[in-house]
């Protein structure tokens, strides 16, 4: 459930068609997730769609762990070291 503050502007009613099975799932879930109403849950889902939270994929997390382990074993080099080795000017 989002922790965003509720909107302070006026509410506008919209119509949206969804498959009956999706509506059944929403109705089964919204209270379990702590929402007071179906509308509140859908508003929150729309806010998340407009402003998605940043979440790292498992693949990215694994790559970061591998990188950290390589650094700890001394298998990596700094950008400055590599630039110096290959005579690259980083200020260009």
PDB file of N, CA and C in Angstrom:
ATOM      1  N   UNK A   1       0.839  -1.173   0.000  1.00  0.00           N
ATOM      2  CA  UNK A   1       0.000   0.000   0.000  1.00  0.00           C
ATOM      3  C   UNK A   1       0.884   1.236   0.000  1.00  0.00           C
ATOM      4  N   UNK A   2       0.510   2.208  -0.814  1.00  0.00           N
ATOM      5  CA  UNK A   2       1.293   3.427  -0.930  1.00  0.00           C
ATOM      6  C   UNK A   2       1.201   4.253   0.344  1.00  0.00           C
ATOM      7  N   UNK A   3       2.284   4.959   0.633  1.00  0.00           N
ATOM      8  CA  UNK A   3       2.280   5.856   1.792  1.00  0.00           C
ATOM      9  C   UNK A   3       2.131   7.304   1.360  1.00  0.00           C
ATOM     10  N   UNK A   4       1.804   7.510   0.068  1.00  0.00           N
ATOM     11  CA  UNK A   4       1.617   8.870  -0.427  1.00  0.00           C
ATOM     12  C   UNK A   4       0.463   9.538   0.308  1.00  0.00           C
ATOM     13  N   UNK A   5       0.591  10.857   0.485  1.00  0.00           N
ATOM     14  CA  UNK A   5      -0.504  11.619   1.090  1.00  0.00           C
ATOM     15  C   UNK A   5      -1.687  11.622   0.127  1.00  0.00           C
ATOM     16  N   UNK A   6      -2.908  11.631   0.646  1.00  0.00           N
ATOM     17  CA  UNK A   6      -4.070  11.657  -0.243  1.00  0.00           C
ATOM     18  C   UNK A   6      -4.106  12.955  -1.035  1.00  0.00           C
ATOM     19  N   UNK A   7      -4.738  12.890  -2.202  1.00  0.00           N
ATOM     20  CA  UNK A   7      -4.860  14.078  -3.035  1.00  0.00           C
ATOM     21  C   UNK A   7      -5.645  15.151  -2.297  1.00  0.00           C
ATOM     22  N   UNK A   8      -5.273  16.394  -2.530  1.00  0.00           N
ATOM     23  CA  UNK A   8      -5.978  17.500  -1.885  1.00  0.00           C
ATOM     24  C   UNK A   8      -6.922  18.181  -2.850  1.00  0.00           C
ATOM     25  N   UNK A   9      -6.828  17.885  -4.152  1.00  0.00           N
ATOM     26  CA  UNK A   9      -7.715  18.481  -5.148  1.00  0.00           C
ATOM     27  C   UNK A   9      -9.039  17.741  -5.214  1.00  0.00           C
ATOM     28  N   UNK A  10      -9.897  18.229  -6.086  1.00  0.00           N
ATOM     29  CA  UNK A  10     -11.202  17.589  -6.211  1.00  0.00           C
ATOM     30  C   UNK A  10     -11.064  16.261  -6.940  1.00  0.00           C
ATOM     31  N   UNK A  11     -11.939  15.346  -6.634  1.00  0.00           N
ATOM     32  CA  UNK A  11     -11.941  14.029  -7.271  1.00  0.00           C
ATOM     33  C   UNK A  11     -12.821  14.100  -8.512  1.00  0.00           C
ATOM     34  N   UNK A  12     -12.399  13.380  -9.556  1.00  0.00           N
ATOM     35  CA  UNK A  12     -13.153  13.291 -10.792  1.00  0.00           C
ATOM     36  C   UNK A  12     -13.444  11.817 -11.038  1.00  0.00           C
ATOM     37  N   UNK A  13     -14.670  11.520 -11.307  1.00  0.00           N
ATOM     38  CA  UNK A  13     -15.068  10.139 -11.551  1.00  0.00           C
ATOM     39  C   UNK A  13     -14.747   9.781 -13.001  1.00  0.00           C
ATOM     40  N   UNK A  14     -14.146   8.604 -13.191  1.00  0.00           N
ATOM     41  CA  UNK A  14     -13.876   8.103 -14.537  1.00  0.00           C
ATOM     42  C   UNK A  14     -14.518   6.734 -14.674  1.00  0.00           C
ATOM     43  N   UNK A  15     -14.775   6.345 -15.898  1.00  0.00           N
ATOM     44  CA  UNK A  15     -15.282   5.007 -16.178  1.00  0.00           C
ATOM     45  C   UNK A  15     -14.162   4.204 -16.811  1.00  0.00           C
ATOM     46  N   UNK A  16     -14.008   2.998 -16.372  1.00  0.00           N
ATOM     47  CA  UNK A  16     -13.004   2.106 -16.959  1.00  0.00           C
ATOM     48  C   UNK A  16     -13.592   0.716 -17.032  1.00  0.00           C
ATOM     49  N   UNK A  17     -13.379   0.068 -18.136  1.00  0.00           N
ATOM     50  CA  UNK A  17     -13.862  -1.303 -18.294  1.00  0.00           C
ATOM     51  C   UNK A  17     -12.699  -2.259 -18.038  1.00  0.00           C
ATOM     52  N   UNK A  18     -12.954  -3.243 -17.193  1.00  0.00           N
ATOM     53  CA  UNK A  18     -11.956  -4.274 -16.900  1.00  0.00           C
ATOM     54  C   UNK A  18     -12.653  -5.627 -16.987  1.00  0.00           C
ATOM     55  N   UNK A  19     -11.913  -6.658 -17.304  1.00  0.00           N
ATOM     56  CA  UNK A  19     -12.518  -7.991 -17.326  1.00  0.00           C
ATOM     57  C   UNK A  19     -13.084  -8.344 -15.939  1.00  0.00           C
ATOM     58  N   UNK A  20     -14.174  -9.067 -15.924  1.00  0.00           N
ATOM     59  CA  UNK A  20     -14.820  -9.449 -14.666  1.00  0.00           C
ATOM     60  C   UNK A  20     -13.843 -10.164 -13.738  1.00  0.00           C
ATOM     61  N   UNK A  21     -12.953 -10.973 -14.316  1.00  0.00           N
ATOM     62  CA  UNK A  21     -12.001 -11.715 -13.484  1.00  0.00           C
ATOM     63  C   UNK A  21     -11.037 -10.769 -12.770  1.00  0.00           C
ATOM     64  N   UNK A  22     -10.652  -9.669 -13.432  1.00  0.00           N
ATOM     65  CA  UNK A  22      -9.762  -8.690 -12.803  1.00  0.00           C
ATOM     66  C   UNK A  22     -10.484  -7.994 -11.656  1.00  0.00           C
ATOM     67  N   UNK A  23     -11.732  -7.619 -11.884  1.00  0.00           N
ATOM     68  CA  UNK A  23     -12.517  -6.971 -10.835  1.00  0.00           C
ATOM     69  C   UNK A  23     -12.695  -7.902  -9.639  1.00  0.00           C
ATOM     70  N   UNK A  24     -12.897  -9.165  -9.891  1.00  0.00           N
ATOM     71  CA  UNK A  24     -13.018 -10.139  -8.791  1.00  0.00           C
ATOM     72  C   UNK A  24     -11.724 -10.195  -7.982  1.00  0.00           C
ATOM     73  N   UNK A  25     -10.580 -10.171  -8.668  1.00  0.00           N
ATOM     74  CA  UNK A  25      -9.296 -10.192  -7.968  1.00  0.00           C
ATOM     75  C   UNK A  25      -9.098  -8.930  -7.138  1.00  0.00           C
ATOM     76  N   UNK A  26      -9.472  -7.776  -7.703  1.00  0.00           N
ATOM     77  CA  UNK A  26      -9.365  -6.521  -6.961  1.00  0.00           C
ATOM     78  C   UNK A  26     -10.225  -6.598  -5.710  1.00  0.00           C
ATOM     79  N   UNK A  27     -11.459  -7.072  -5.861  1.00  0.00           N
ATOM     80  CA  UNK A  27     -12.364  -7.162  -4.719  1.00  0.00           C
ATOM     81  C   UNK A  27     -11.863  -8.134  -3.655  1.00  0.00           C
ATOM     82  N   UNK A  28     -11.159  -9.162  -4.075  1.00  0.00           N
ATOM     83  CA  UNK A  28     -10.611 -10.125  -3.116  1.00  0.00           C
ATOM     84  C   UNK A  28      -9.395  -9.564  -2.388  1.00  0.00           C
ATOM     85  N   UNK A  29      -8.685  -8.650  -3.014  1.00  0.00           N
ATOM     86  CA  UNK A  29      -7.408  -8.179  -2.486  1.00  0.00           C
ATOM     87  C   UNK A  29      -7.426  -6.860  -1.734  1.00  0.00           C
ATOM     88  N   UNK A  30      -8.270  -5.928  -2.115  1.00  0.00           N
ATOM     89  CA  UNK A  30      -8.077  -4.566  -1.602  1.00  0.00           C
ATOM     90  C   UNK A  30      -8.163  -4.480  -0.083  1.00  0.00           C
ATOM     91  N   UNK A  31      -9.091  -5.168   0.534  1.00  0.00           N
ATOM     92  CA  UNK A  31      -9.175  -5.102   1.998  1.00  0.00           C
ATOM     93  C   UNK A  31      -7.984  -5.799   2.647  1.00  0.00           C
ATOM     94  N   UNK A  32      -7.579  -6.926   2.060  1.00  0.00           N
ATOM     95  CA  UNK A  32      -6.438  -7.668   2.609  1.00  0.00           C
ATOM     96  C   UNK A  32      -5.186  -6.801   2.617  1.00  0.00           C
ATOM     97  N   UNK A  33      -5.072  -5.914   1.643  1.00  0.00           N
ATOM     98  CA  UNK A  33      -3.905  -5.045   1.540  1.00  0.00           C
ATOM     99  C   UNK A  33      -4.067  -3.751   2.325  1.00  0.00           C
ATOM    100  N   UNK A  34      -5.169  -3.598   3.021  1.00  0.00           N
ATOM    101  CA  UNK A  34      -5.340  -2.455   3.898  1.00  0.00           C
ATOM    102  C   UNK A  34      -6.060  -1.265   3.305  1.00  0.00           C
ATOM    103  N   UNK A  35      -6.696  -1.427   2.165  1.00  0.00           N
ATOM    104  CA  UNK A  35      -7.449  -0.332   1.561  1.00  0.00           C
ATOM    105  C   UNK A  35      -8.876  -0.329   2.072  1.00  0.00           C
ATOM    106  N   UNK A  36      -9.449   0.858   2.194  1.00  0.00           N
ATOM    107  CA  UNK A  36     -10.821   0.990   2.675  1.00  0.00           C
ATOM    108  C   UNK A  36     -11.836   0.725   1.566  1.00  0.00           C
ATOM    109  N   UNK A  37     -11.409   0.894   0.321  1.00  0.00           N
ATOM    110  CA  UNK A  37     -12.354   0.714  -0.792  1.00  0.00           C
ATOM    111  C   UNK A  37     -11.607   0.292  -2.053  1.00  0.00           C
ATOM    112  N   UNK A  38     -12.379  -0.203  -2.998  1.00  0.00           N
ATOM    113  CA  UNK A  38     -11.852  -0.552  -4.315  1.00  0.00           C
ATOM    114  C   UNK A  38     -11.267   0.704  -4.969  1.00  0.00           C
ATOM    115  N   UNK A  39     -11.981   1.820  -4.870  1.00  0.00           N
ATOM    116  CA  UNK A  39     -11.515   3.072  -5.483  1.00  0.00           C
ATOM    117  C   UNK A  39     -10.164   3.503  -4.933  1.00  0.00           C
ATOM    118  N   UNK A  40      -9.997   3.387  -3.626  1.00  0.00           N
ATOM    119  CA  UNK A  40      -8.725   3.769  -3.001  1.00  0.00           C
ATOM    120  C   UNK A  40      -7.584   2.909  -3.544  1.00  0.00           C
ATOM    121  N   UNK A  41      -7.837   1.619  -3.682  1.00  0.00           N
ATOM    122  CA  UNK A  41      -6.810   0.709  -4.187  1.00  0.00           C
ATOM    123  C   UNK A  41      -6.461   1.038  -5.632  1.00  0.00           C
ATOM    124  N   UNK A  42      -7.457   1.321  -6.446  1.00  0.00           N
ATOM    125  CA  UNK A  42      -7.210   1.635  -7.851  1.00  0.00           C
ATOM    126  C   UNK A  42      -6.485   2.970  -7.986  1.00  0.00           C
ATOM    127  N   UNK A  43      -6.862   3.981  -7.180  1.00  0.00           N
ATOM    128  CA  UNK A  43      -6.141   5.265  -7.202  1.00  0.00           C
ATOM    129  C   UNK A  43      -4.666   5.060  -6.872  1.00  0.00           C
ATOM    130  N   UNK A  44      -4.399   4.236  -5.871  1.00  0.00           N
ATOM    131  CA  UNK A  44      -3.023   3.966  -5.471  1.00  0.00           C
ATOM    132  C   UNK A  44      -2.264   3.266  -6.601  1.00  0.00           C
ATOM    133  N   UNK A  45      -2.913   2.308  -7.255  1.00  0.00           N
ATOM    134  CA  UNK A  45      -2.281   1.607  -8.370  1.00  0.00           C
ATOM    135  C   UNK A  45      -1.975   2.579  -9.508  1.00  0.00           C
ATOM    136  N   UNK A  46      -2.871   3.520  -9.772  1.00  0.00           N
ATOM    137  CA  UNK A  46      -2.630   4.517 -10.817  1.00  0.00           C
ATOM    138  C   UNK A  46      -1.471   5.440 -10.449  1.00  0.00           C
ATOM    139  N   UNK A  47      -1.390   5.841  -9.168  1.00  0.00           N
ATOM    140  CA  UNK A  47      -0.251   6.666  -8.730  1.00  0.00           C
ATOM    141  C   UNK A  47       1.063   5.915  -8.928  1.00  0.00           C
ATOM    142  N   UNK A  48       1.066   4.633  -8.586  1.00  0.00           N
ATOM    143  CA  UNK A  48       2.282   3.831  -8.769  1.00  0.00           C
ATOM    144  C   UNK A  48       2.638   3.688 -10.246  1.00  0.00           C
ATOM    145  N   UNK A  49       1.633   3.625 -11.106  1.00  0.00           N
ATOM    146  CA  UNK A  49       1.868   3.529 -12.542  1.00  0.00           C
ATOM    147  C   UNK A  49       2.483   4.825 -13.058  1.00  0.00           C
ATOM    148  N   UNK A  50       2.001   5.962 -12.564  1.00  0.00           N
ATOM    149  CA  UNK A  50       2.522   7.266 -12.991  1.00  0.00           C
ATOM    150  C   UNK A  50       3.886   7.564 -12.392  1.00  0.00           C
ATOM    151  N   UNK A  51       4.140   7.101 -11.179  1.00  0.00           N
ATOM    152  CA  UNK A  51       5.392   7.349 -10.468  1.00  0.00           C
ATOM    153  C   UNK A  51       5.926   6.036  -9.906  1.00  0.00           C
ATOM    154  N   UNK A  52       6.435   5.171 -10.783  1.00  0.00           N
ATOM    155  CA  UNK A  52       6.871   3.859 -10.300  1.00  0.00           C
ATOM    156  C   UNK A  52       8.033   3.963  -9.327  1.00  0.00           C
ATOM    157  N   UNK A  53       8.029   3.096  -8.342  1.00  0.00           N
ATOM    158  CA  UNK A  53       9.152   3.054  -7.407  1.00  0.00           C
ATOM    159  C   UNK A  53      10.310   2.333  -8.088  1.00  0.00           C
ATOM    160  N   UNK A  54      11.499   2.666  -7.677  1.00  0.00           N
ATOM    161  CA  UNK A  54      12.684   2.043  -8.250  1.00  0.00           C
ATOM    162  C   UNK A  54      12.947   0.736  -7.520  1.00  0.00           C
ATOM    163  N   UNK A  55      12.960  -0.328  -8.283  1.00  0.00           N
ATOM    164  CA  UNK A  55      13.228  -1.642  -7.719  1.00  0.00           C
ATOM    165  C   UNK A  55      14.266  -2.329  -8.596  1.00  0.00           C
ATOM    166  N   UNK A  56      15.286  -2.846  -7.976  1.00  0.00           N
ATOM    167  CA  UNK A  56      16.320  -3.543  -8.721  1.00  0.00           C
ATOM    168  C   UNK A  56      15.884  -4.974  -8.995  1.00  0.00           C
ATOM    169  N   UNK A  57      16.167  -5.447 -10.200  1.00  0.00           N
ATOM    170  CA  UNK A  57      15.851  -6.830 -10.548  1.00  0.00           C
ATOM    171  C   UNK A  57      16.817  -7.768  -9.823  1.00  0.00           C
ATOM    172  N   UNK A  58      16.438  -9.011  -9.736  1.00  0.00           N
ATOM    173  CA  UNK A  58      17.318 -10.013  -9.120  1.00  0.00           C
ATOM    174  C   UNK A  58      18.626 -10.103  -9.897  1.00  0.00           C
ATOM    175  N   UNK A  59      18.555  -9.980 -11.218  1.00  0.00           N
ATOM    176  CA  UNK A  59      19.756 -10.032 -12.053  1.00  0.00           C
ATOM    177  C   UNK A  59      20.710  -8.889 -11.700  1.00  0.00           C
ATOM    178  N   UNK A  60      20.167  -7.696 -11.498  1.00  0.00           N
ATOM    179  CA  UNK A  60      21.001  -6.543 -11.141  1.00  0.00           C
ATOM    180  C   UNK A  60      21.603  -6.718  -9.760  1.00  0.00           C
ATOM    181  N   UNK A  61      20.820  -7.201  -8.818  1.00  0.00           N
ATOM    182  CA  UNK A  61      21.318  -7.436  -7.461  1.00  0.00           C
ATOM    183  C   UNK A  61      22.448  -8.466  -7.487  1.00  0.00           C
ATOM    184  N   UNK A  62      22.276  -9.535  -8.277  1.00  0.00           N
ATOM    185  CA  UNK A  62      23.328 -10.554  -8.404  1.00  0.00           C
ATOM    186  C   UNK A  62      24.591  -9.964  -9.018  1.00  0.00           C
ATOM    187  N   UNK A  63      24.422  -9.112 -10.041  1.00  0.00           N
ATOM    188  CA  UNK A  63      25.579  -8.490 -10.694  1.00  0.00           C
ATOM    189  C   UNK A  63      26.316  -7.570  -9.726  1.00  0.00           C
ATOM    190  N   UNK A  64      25.573  -6.833  -8.907  1.00  0.00           N
ATOM    191  CA  UNK A  64      26.212  -5.965  -7.915  1.00  0.00           C
ATOM    192  C   UNK A  64      26.977  -6.777  -6.883  1.00  0.00           C
ATOM    193  N   UNK A  65      26.431  -7.896  -6.470  1.00  0.00           N
ATOM    194  CA  UNK A  65      27.113  -8.772  -5.511  1.00  0.00           C
ATOM    195  C   UNK A  65      28.393  -9.334  -6.117  1.00  0.00           C
ATOM    196  N   UNK A  66      28.325  -9.767  -7.363  1.00  0.00           N
ATOM    197  CA  UNK A  66      29.510 -10.281  -8.052  1.00  0.00           C
ATOM    198  C   UNK A  66      30.579  -9.200  -8.154  1.00  0.00           C
ATOM    199  N   UNK A  67      30.164  -7.993  -8.498  1.00  0.00           N
ATOM    200  CA  UNK A  67      31.094  -6.869  -8.605  1.00  0.00           C
ATOM    201  C   UNK A  67      31.769  -6.574  -7.265  1.00  0.00           C
ATOM    202  N   UNK A  68      30.994  -6.587  -6.195  1.00  0.00           N
ATOM    203  CA  UNK A  68      31.554  -6.340  -4.865  1.00  0.00           C
ATOM    204  C   UNK A  68      32.583  -7.413  -4.510  1.00  0.00           C
ATOM    205  N   UNK A  69      32.257  -8.668  -4.797  1.00  0.00           N
ATOM    206  CA  UNK A  69      33.188  -9.763  -4.505  1.00  0.00           C
ATOM    207  C   UNK A  69      34.470  -9.619  -5.318  1.00  0.00           C
ATOM    208  N   UNK A  70      34.347  -9.224  -6.601  1.00  0.00           N
ATOM    209  CA  UNK A  70      35.524  -9.017  -7.435  1.00  0.00           C
ATOM    210  C   UNK A  70      36.390  -7.890  -6.883  1.00  0.00           C
ATOM    211  N   UNK A  71      35.759  -6.830  -6.419  1.00  0.00           N
ATOM    212  CA  UNK A  71      36.504  -5.705  -5.834  1.00  0.00           C
ATOM    213  C   UNK A  71      37.247  -6.161  -4.587  1.00  0.00           C
ATOM    214  N   UNK A  72      36.583  -6.941  -3.739  1.00  0.00           N
ATOM    215  CA  UNK A  72      37.218  -7.419  -2.506  1.00  0.00           C
ATOM    216  C   UNK A  72      38.404  -8.338  -2.794  1.00  0.00           C
ATOM    217  N   UNK A  73      38.362  -9.072  -3.904  1.00  0.00           N
ATOM    218  CA  UNK A  73      39.468  -9.959  -4.269  1.00  0.00           C
ATOM    219  C   UNK A  73      40.559  -9.214  -5.049  1.00  0.00           C
ATOM    220  N   UNK A  74      40.354  -7.921  -5.275  1.00  0.00           N
ATOM    221  CA  UNK A  74      41.345  -7.136  -6.001  1.00  0.00           C
ATOM    222  C   UNK A  74      41.324  -7.368  -7.496  1.00  0.00           C
ATOM    223  N   UNK A  75      40.218  -7.840  -8.014  1.00  0.00           N
ATOM    224  CA  UNK A  75      40.119  -8.151  -9.444  1.00  0.00           C
ATOM    225  C   UNK A  75      39.595  -6.982 -10.270  1.00  0.00           C
ATOM    226  N   UNK A  76      39.400  -5.847  -9.671  1.00  0.00           N
ATOM    227  CA  UNK A  76      38.891  -4.686 -10.412  1.00  0.00           C
ATOM    228  C   UNK A  76      39.911  -3.559 -10.368  1.00  0.00           C
ATOM    229  N   UNK A  77      39.767  -2.603 -11.267  1.00  0.00           N
ATOM    230  CA  UNK A  77      40.646  -1.443 -11.323  1.00  0.00           C
ATOM    231  C   UNK A  77      39.794  -0.189 -11.366  1.00  0.00           C
ATOM    232  N   UNK A  78      40.314   0.884 -10.827  1.00  0.00           N
ATOM    233  CA  UNK A  78      39.575   2.146 -10.858  1.00  0.00           C
ATOM    234  C   UNK A  78      39.587   2.716 -12.274  1.00  0.00           C
ATOM    235  N   UNK A  79      38.640   3.573 -12.561  1.00  0.00           N
ATOM    236  CA  UNK A  79      38.585   4.235 -13.861  1.00  0.00           C
ATOM    237  C   UNK A  79      39.859   5.030 -14.116  1.00  0.00           C
ATOM    238  N   UNK A  80      40.339   5.716 -13.085  1.00  0.00           N
ATOM    239  CA  UNK A  80      41.567   6.500 -13.238  1.00  0.00           C
ATOM    240  C   UNK A  80      42.756   5.608 -13.599  1.00  0.00           C
ATOM    241  N   UNK A  81      42.871   4.437 -12.958  1.00  0.00           N
ATOM    242  CA  UNK A  81      43.972   3.519 -13.266  1.00  0.00           C
ATOM    243  C   UNK A  81      43.901   3.033 -14.712  1.00  0.00           C
ATOM    244  N   UNK A  82      42.710   2.688 -15.158  1.00  0.00           N
ATOM    245  CA  UNK A  82      42.545   2.194 -16.530  1.00  0.00           C
ATOM    246  C   UNK A  82      42.826   3.314 -17.526  1.00  0.00           C
ATOM    247  N   UNK A  83      42.346   4.518 -17.243  1.00  0.00           N
ATOM    248  CA  UNK A  83      42.595   5.651 -18.140  1.00  0.00           C
ATOM    249  C   UNK A  83      44.087   5.934 -18.247  1.00  0.00           C
ATOM    250  N   UNK A  84      44.780   5.867 -17.138  1.00  0.00           N
ATOM    251  CA  UNK A  84      46.223   6.101 -17.153  1.00  0.00           C
ATOM    252  C   UNK A  84      46.936   5.019 -17.954  1.00  0.00           C
ATOM    253  N   UNK A  85      46.553   3.766 -17.750  1.00  0.00           N
ATOM    254  CA  UNK A  85      47.194   2.653 -18.456  1.00  0.00           C
ATOM    255  C   UNK A  85      47.048   2.795 -19.969  1.00  0.00           C
ATOM    256  N   UNK A  86      45.874   3.242 -20.425  1.00  0.00           N
ATOM    257  CA  UNK A  86      45.618   3.346 -21.863  1.00  0.00           C
ATOM    258  C   UNK A  86      45.753   4.779 -22.382  1.00  0.00           C
ATOM    259  N   UNK A  87      46.346   5.650 -21.550  1.00  0.00           N
ATOM    260  CA  UNK A  87      46.608   7.036 -21.931  1.00  0.00           C
ATOM    261  C   UNK A  87      45.344   7.733 -22.456  1.00  0.00           C
ATOM    262  N   UNK A  88      44.306   7.679 -21.651  1.00  0.00           N
ATOM    263  CA  UNK A  88      43.042   8.309 -22.000  1.00  0.00           C
ATOM    264  C   UNK A  88      42.849   9.515 -21.090  1.00  0.00           C
ATOM    265  N   UNK A  89      42.498  10.648 -21.687  1.00  0.00           N
ATOM    266  CA  UNK A  89      42.232  11.866 -20.929  1.00  0.00           C
ATOM    267  C   UNK A  89      40.749  11.900 -20.599  1.00  0.00           C
ATOM    268  N   UNK A  90      40.414  11.773 -19.338  1.00  0.00           N
ATOM    269  CA  UNK A  90      39.010  11.727 -18.919  1.00  0.00           C
ATOM    270  C   UNK A  90      38.328  13.098 -18.958  1.00  0.00           C
ATOM    271  N   UNK A  91      39.094  14.156 -19.109  1.00  0.00           N
ATOM    272  CA  UNK A  91      38.538  15.493 -19.113  1.00  0.00           C
ATOM    273  C   UNK A  91      38.085  15.947 -20.495  1.00  0.00           C
ATOM    274  N   UNK A  92      38.315  15.150 -21.513  1.00  0.00           N
ATOM    275  CA  UNK A  92      37.938  15.548 -22.884  1.00  0.00           C
ATOM    276  C   UNK A  92      36.471  15.380 -23.119  1.00  0.00           C
TER     277      UNK A  92
END
